[in-house]
Amino acid sequence: MKVFKATQSKYNILHRYKNGNNMLEFFKDANDNWILGCNVADDPAFAEIKQQLNALQKINLNQKIIVL
């Protein structure tokens, strides 16, 4: 699965971007990257920042495994 990877500066700009009741939230992957699902670029709630989202690097998801 492909995800967007944000640099720290892009994360600082885009993390918790709000439009009405919709909010972007990045999270860390197993490699400590700030990531976000690529599907958000197609969400009409984020149309205003779609160009910024599509400019982010796309990488394969490397999920954290949580052991309880």
Protein backbone atom coordinates (compact mmCIF):
# COMPACT_ATOMS: atom_id res chain seq x y z
CA MET A 1 0.00 0.00 0.00
CA LYS A 2 1.34 3.42 -0.94
CA VAL A 3 1.34 6.28 1.54
CA PHE A 4 2.48 9.90 1.51
CA LYS A 5 5.69 10.62 3.40
CA ALA A 6 6.12 14.12 4.78
CA THR A 7 9.33 15.89 5.67
CA GLN A 8 9.31 17.57 9.07
CA SER A 9 8.62 20.96 7.47
CA LYS A 10 5.69 19.62 5.39
CA TYR A 11 4.39 17.79 8.46
CA ASN A 12 4.49 21.06 10.42
CA ILE A 13 2.39 22.75 7.72
CA LEU A 14 -0.13 20.01 6.96
CA HIS A 15 -0.59 18.05 10.21
CA ARG A 16 -3.98 18.72 11.76
CA TYR A 17 -5.14 20.75 8.74
CA LYS A 18 -8.87 21.27 9.29
CA ASN A 19 -11.76 21.84 6.93
CA GLY A 20 -15.06 21.76 8.79
CA ASN A 21 -15.23 18.47 10.70
CA ASN A 22 -12.40 16.93 8.64
CA MET A 23 -8.81 16.91 9.87
CA LEU A 24 -5.55 15.44 8.53
CA GLU A 25 -3.45 13.50 10.99
CA PHE A 26 -0.09 12.05 10.10
CA PHE A 27 1.34 9.13 12.06
CA LYS A 28 4.74 7.45 12.34
CA ASP A 29 5.59 4.27 10.47
CA ALA A 30 8.14 1.62 11.49
CA ASN A 31 10.93 3.75 9.97
CA ASP A 32 9.90 6.82 11.99
CA ASN A 33 8.52 8.59 8.89
CA TRP A 34 5.51 10.89 9.10
CA ILE A 35 2.96 9.20 6.82
CA LEU A 36 -0.60 9.65 5.59
CA GLY A 37 -2.79 7.50 3.35
CA CYS A 38 -2.73 8.61 -0.29
CA ASN A 39 -6.52 8.41 -0.52
CA VAL A 40 -6.86 11.74 1.32
CA ALA A 41 -5.75 13.54 -1.86
CA ASP A 42 -9.05 12.50 -3.45
CA ASP A 43 -11.19 13.62 -0.51
CA PRO A 44 -13.18 16.76 -1.43
CA ALA A 45 -12.64 18.07 2.10
CA PHE A 46 -8.94 18.46 1.30
CA ALA A 47 -9.28 19.80 -2.26
CA GLU A 48 -7.75 23.12 -1.17
CA ILE A 49 -4.44 21.39 -0.32
CA LYS A 50 -4.57 18.60 -2.92
CA GLN A 51 -1.59 19.99 -4.82
CA GLN A 52 0.51 20.06 -1.63
CA LEU A 53 -0.51 16.50 -0.78
CA ASN A 54 0.32 15.19 -4.25
CA ALA A 55 3.75 16.85 -4.01
CA LEU A 56 4.65 14.61 -1.05
CA GLN A 57 6.83 11.57 -1.69
CA LYS A 58 4.94 8.28 -2.08
CA ILE A 59 6.43 5.26 -0.33
CA ASN A 60 5.34 1.73 0.50
CA LEU A 61 3.76 1.41 3.93
CA ASN A 62 6.06 -0.06 6.58
CA GLN A 63 3.65 -0.60 9.44
CA LYS A 64 4.61 -0.65 13.11
CA ILE A 65 3.77 -3.90 14.79
CA ILE A 66 2.47 -3.43 18.30
CA VAL A 67 2.95 -6.34 20.66
CA LEU A 68 0.67 -6.42 23.65
